[in-house]
Amino acid sequence: MRLKASLSPKEHRGVVLINPPYELKHEYQDIVDTIKNCIKR
């Protein structure tokens, strides 16, 4: 996902809304993994 590349520097962060279609079962875990990776950044 491109979310991590869209993050601004830590001191200027805001809110990101995520609303995927959740048509495939793996999309639920993909969102969790993406958020975890973004928090690490």
PDB file of N, CA and C in Angstrom:
ATOM      1  N   MET A   1       0.833  -1.193   0.000  1.00  0.00           N
ATOM      2  CA  MET A   1       0.000   0.000   0.000  1.00  0.00           C
ATOM      3  C   MET A   1       0.868   1.244   0.000  1.00  0.00           C
ATOM      4  N   ARG A   2       0.325   2.301  -0.475  1.00  0.00           N
ATOM      5  CA  ARG A   2       1.077   3.545  -0.575  1.00  0.00           C
ATOM      6  C   ARG A   2       0.911   4.448   0.638  1.00  0.00           C
ATOM      7  N   LEU A   3       0.229   3.981   1.655  1.00  0.00           N
ATOM      8  CA  LEU A   3      -0.009   4.812   2.831  1.00  0.00           C
ATOM      9  C   LEU A   3       1.286   5.270   3.472  1.00  0.00           C
ATOM     10  N   LYS A   4       2.228   4.385   3.653  1.00  0.00           N
ATOM     11  CA  LYS A   4       3.490   4.724   4.319  1.00  0.00           C
ATOM     12  C   LYS A   4       4.225   5.827   3.572  1.00  0.00           C
ATOM     13  N   ALA A   5       4.201   5.799   2.262  1.00  0.00           N
ATOM     14  CA  ALA A   5       4.858   6.837   1.472  1.00  0.00           C
ATOM     15  C   ALA A   5       4.144   8.175   1.586  1.00  0.00           C
ATOM     16  N   SER A   6       2.879   8.158   1.964  1.00  0.00           N
ATOM     17  CA  SER A   6       2.092   9.394   2.065  1.00  0.00           C
ATOM     18  C   SER A   6       2.212  10.068   3.424  1.00  0.00           C
ATOM     19  N   LEU A   7       2.832   9.400   4.386  1.00  0.00           N
ATOM     20  CA  LEU A   7       2.951   9.980   5.725  1.00  0.00           C
ATOM     21  C   LEU A   7       3.874  11.191   5.724  1.00  0.00           C
ATOM     22  N   SER A   8       3.461  12.191   6.448  1.00  0.00           N
ATOM     23  CA  SER A   8       4.311  13.372   6.597  1.00  0.00           C
ATOM     24  C   SER A   8       5.287  13.134   7.751  1.00  0.00           C
ATOM     25  N   PRO A   9       6.254  14.037   7.947  1.00  0.00           N
ATOM     26  CA  PRO A   9       7.181  13.860   9.071  1.00  0.00           C
ATOM     27  C   PRO A   9       6.417  13.755  10.393  1.00  0.00           C
ATOM     28  N   LYS A  10       6.992  13.069  11.334  1.00  0.00           N
ATOM     29  CA  LYS A  10       6.327  12.759  12.598  1.00  0.00           C
ATOM     30  C   LYS A  10       5.708  13.984  13.278  1.00  0.00           C
ATOM     31  N   GLU A  11       6.392  15.090  13.267  1.00  0.00           N
ATOM     32  CA  GLU A  11       5.892  16.272  13.973  1.00  0.00           C
ATOM     33  C   GLU A  11       4.728  16.962  13.264  1.00  0.00           C
ATOM     34  N   HIS A  12       4.385  16.533  12.055  1.00  0.00           N
ATOM     35  CA  HIS A  12       3.293  17.158  11.302  1.00  0.00           C
ATOM     36  C   HIS A  12       2.200  16.161  10.925  1.00  0.00           C
ATOM     37  N   ARG A  13       2.080  15.098  11.667  1.00  0.00           N
ATOM     38  CA  ARG A  13       1.113  14.061  11.292  1.00  0.00           C
ATOM     39  C   ARG A  13      -0.307  14.471  11.620  1.00  0.00           C
ATOM     40  N   GLY A  14      -1.224  13.934  10.832  1.00  0.00           N
ATOM     41  CA  GLY A  14      -2.638  14.195  11.025  1.00  0.00           C
ATOM     42  C   GLY A  14      -3.399  12.887  11.084  1.00  0.00           C
ATOM     43  N   VAL A  15      -4.522  12.853  10.431  1.00  0.00           N
ATOM     44  CA  VAL A  15      -5.396  11.688  10.442  1.00  0.00           C
ATOM     45  C   VAL A  15      -5.522  11.137   9.025  1.00  0.00           C
ATOM     46  N   VAL A  16      -5.499   9.812   8.908  1.00  0.00           N
ATOM     47  CA  VAL A  16      -5.704   9.157   7.617  1.00  0.00           C
ATOM     48  C   VAL A  16      -6.912   8.239   7.764  1.00  0.00           C
ATOM     49  N   LEU A  17      -7.871   8.395   6.878  1.00  0.00           N
ATOM     50  CA  LEU A  17      -9.044   7.521   6.885  1.00  0.00           C
ATOM     51  C   LEU A  17      -8.844   6.417   5.857  1.00  0.00           C
ATOM     52  N   ILE A  18      -9.082   5.174   6.274  1.00  0.00           N
ATOM     53  CA  ILE A  18      -8.905   4.024   5.396  1.00  0.00           C
ATOM     54  C   ILE A  18     -10.260   3.335   5.262  1.00  0.00           C
ATOM     55  N   ASN A  19     -10.699   3.181   4.030  1.00  0.00           N
ATOM     56  CA  ASN A  19     -11.984   2.529   3.792  1.00  0.00           C
ATOM     57  C   ASN A  19     -11.894   1.640   2.551  1.00  0.00           C
ATOM     58  N   PRO A  20     -11.135   0.534   2.646  1.00  0.00           N
ATOM     59  CA  PRO A  20     -11.056  -0.368   1.499  1.00  0.00           C
ATOM     60  C   PRO A  20     -12.377  -1.126   1.333  1.00  0.00           C
ATOM     61  N   PRO A  21     -12.575  -1.739   0.196  1.00  0.00           N
ATOM     62  CA  PRO A  21     -13.843  -2.441  -0.047  1.00  0.00           C
ATOM     63  C   PRO A  21     -14.007  -3.720   0.784  1.00  0.00           C
ATOM     64  N   TYR A  22     -12.910  -4.261   1.316  1.00  0.00           N
ATOM     65  CA  TYR A  22     -12.962  -5.504   2.094  1.00  0.00           C
ATOM     66  C   TYR A  22     -13.690  -6.608   1.328  1.00  0.00           C
ATOM     67  N   GLU A  23     -13.384  -6.740   0.066  1.00  0.00           N
ATOM     68  CA  GLU A  23     -13.993  -7.796  -0.743  1.00  0.00           C
ATOM     69  C   GLU A  23     -13.256  -9.122  -0.593  1.00  0.00           C
ATOM     70  N   LEU A  24     -11.984  -9.049  -0.260  1.00  0.00           N
ATOM     71  CA  LEU A  24     -11.178 -10.259  -0.090  1.00  0.00           C
ATOM     72  C   LEU A  24     -10.818 -10.405   1.391  1.00  0.00           C
ATOM     73  N   LYS A  25     -10.794 -11.627   1.878  1.00  0.00           N
ATOM     74  CA  LYS A  25     -10.533 -11.851   3.305  1.00  0.00           C
ATOM     75  C   LYS A  25      -9.187 -11.307   3.754  1.00  0.00           C
ATOM     76  N   HIS A  26      -8.172 -11.376   2.891  1.00  0.00           N
ATOM     77  CA  HIS A  26      -6.833 -10.934   3.292  1.00  0.00           C
ATOM     78  C   HIS A  26      -6.749  -9.411   3.475  1.00  0.00           C
ATOM     79  N   GLU A  27      -7.718  -8.669   2.981  1.00  0.00           N
ATOM     80  CA  GLU A  27      -7.667  -7.202   3.103  1.00  0.00           C
ATOM     81  C   GLU A  27      -7.736  -6.749   4.562  1.00  0.00           C
ATOM     82  N   TYR A  28      -8.418  -7.496   5.401  1.00  0.00           N
ATOM     83  CA  TYR A  28      -8.485  -7.134   6.818  1.00  0.00           C
ATOM     84  C   TYR A  28      -7.087  -7.165   7.435  1.00  0.00           C
ATOM     85  N   GLN A  29      -6.336  -8.219   7.170  1.00  0.00           N
ATOM     86  CA  GLN A  29      -4.983  -8.329   7.708  1.00  0.00           C
ATOM     87  C   GLN A  29      -4.036  -7.343   7.035  1.00  0.00           C
ATOM     88  N   ASP A  30      -4.254  -7.060   5.756  1.00  0.00           N
ATOM     89  CA  ASP A  30      -3.426  -6.081   5.055  1.00  0.00           C
ATOM     90  C   ASP A  30      -3.506  -4.718   5.741  1.00  0.00           C
ATOM     91  N   ILE A  31      -4.689  -4.320   6.165  1.00  0.00           N
ATOM     92  CA  ILE A  31      -4.861  -3.030   6.839  1.00  0.00           C
ATOM     93  C   ILE A  31      -4.115  -3.023   8.170  1.00  0.00           C
ATOM     94  N   VAL A  32      -4.250  -4.095   8.940  1.00  0.00           N
ATOM     95  CA  VAL A  32      -3.545  -4.194  10.224  1.00  0.00           C
ATOM     96  C   VAL A  32      -2.039  -4.103  10.012  1.00  0.00           C
ATOM     97  N   ASP A  33      -1.521  -4.840   9.042  1.00  0.00           N
ATOM     98  CA  ASP A  33      -0.086  -4.833   8.761  1.00  0.00           C
ATOM     99  C   ASP A  33       0.381  -3.453   8.310  1.00  0.00           C
ATOM    100  N   THR A  34      -0.396  -2.791   7.486  1.00  0.00           N
ATOM    101  CA  THR A  34      -0.027  -1.462   6.994  1.00  0.00           C
ATOM    102  C   THR A  34       0.022  -0.451   8.132  1.00  0.00           C
ATOM    103  N   ILE A  35      -0.956  -0.488   9.005  1.00  0.00           N
ATOM    104  CA  ILE A  35      -0.975   0.446  10.130  1.00  0.00           C
ATOM    105  C   ILE A  35       0.205   0.189  11.060  1.00  0.00           C
ATOM    106  N   LYS A  36       0.520  -1.080  11.312  1.00  0.00           N
ATOM    107  CA  LYS A  36       1.678  -1.402  12.150  1.00  0.00           C
ATOM    108  C   LYS A  36       2.968  -0.856  11.534  1.00  0.00           C
ATOM    109  N   ASN A  37       3.132  -1.001  10.223  1.00  0.00           N
ATOM    110  CA  ASN A  37       4.331  -0.500   9.539  1.00  0.00           C
ATOM    111  C   ASN A  37       4.402   1.017   9.600  1.00  0.00           C
ATOM    112  N   CYS A  38       3.263   1.680   9.493  1.00  0.00           N
ATOM    113  CA  CYS A  38       3.247   3.141   9.544  1.00  0.00           C
ATOM    114  C   CYS A  38       3.591   3.647  10.942  1.00  0.00           C
ATOM    115  N   ILE A  39       3.127   2.940  11.963  1.00  0.00           N
ATOM    116  CA  ILE A  39       3.445   3.343  13.335  1.00  0.00           C
ATOM    117  C   ILE A  39       4.943   3.221  13.579  1.00  0.00           C
ATOM    118  N   LYS A  40       5.559   2.183  13.030  1.00  0.00           N
ATOM    119  CA  LYS A  40       7.008   1.997  13.187  1.00  0.00           C
ATOM    120  C   LYS A  40       7.794   3.140  12.564  1.00  0.00           C
ATOM    121  N   ARG A  41       7.275   3.684  11.481  1.00  0.00           N
ATOM    122  CA  ARG A  41       7.975   4.767  10.781  1.00  0.00           C
ATOM    123  C   ARG A  41       7.992   5.962  11.687  1.00  0.00           C
TER     124      ARG A  41
END
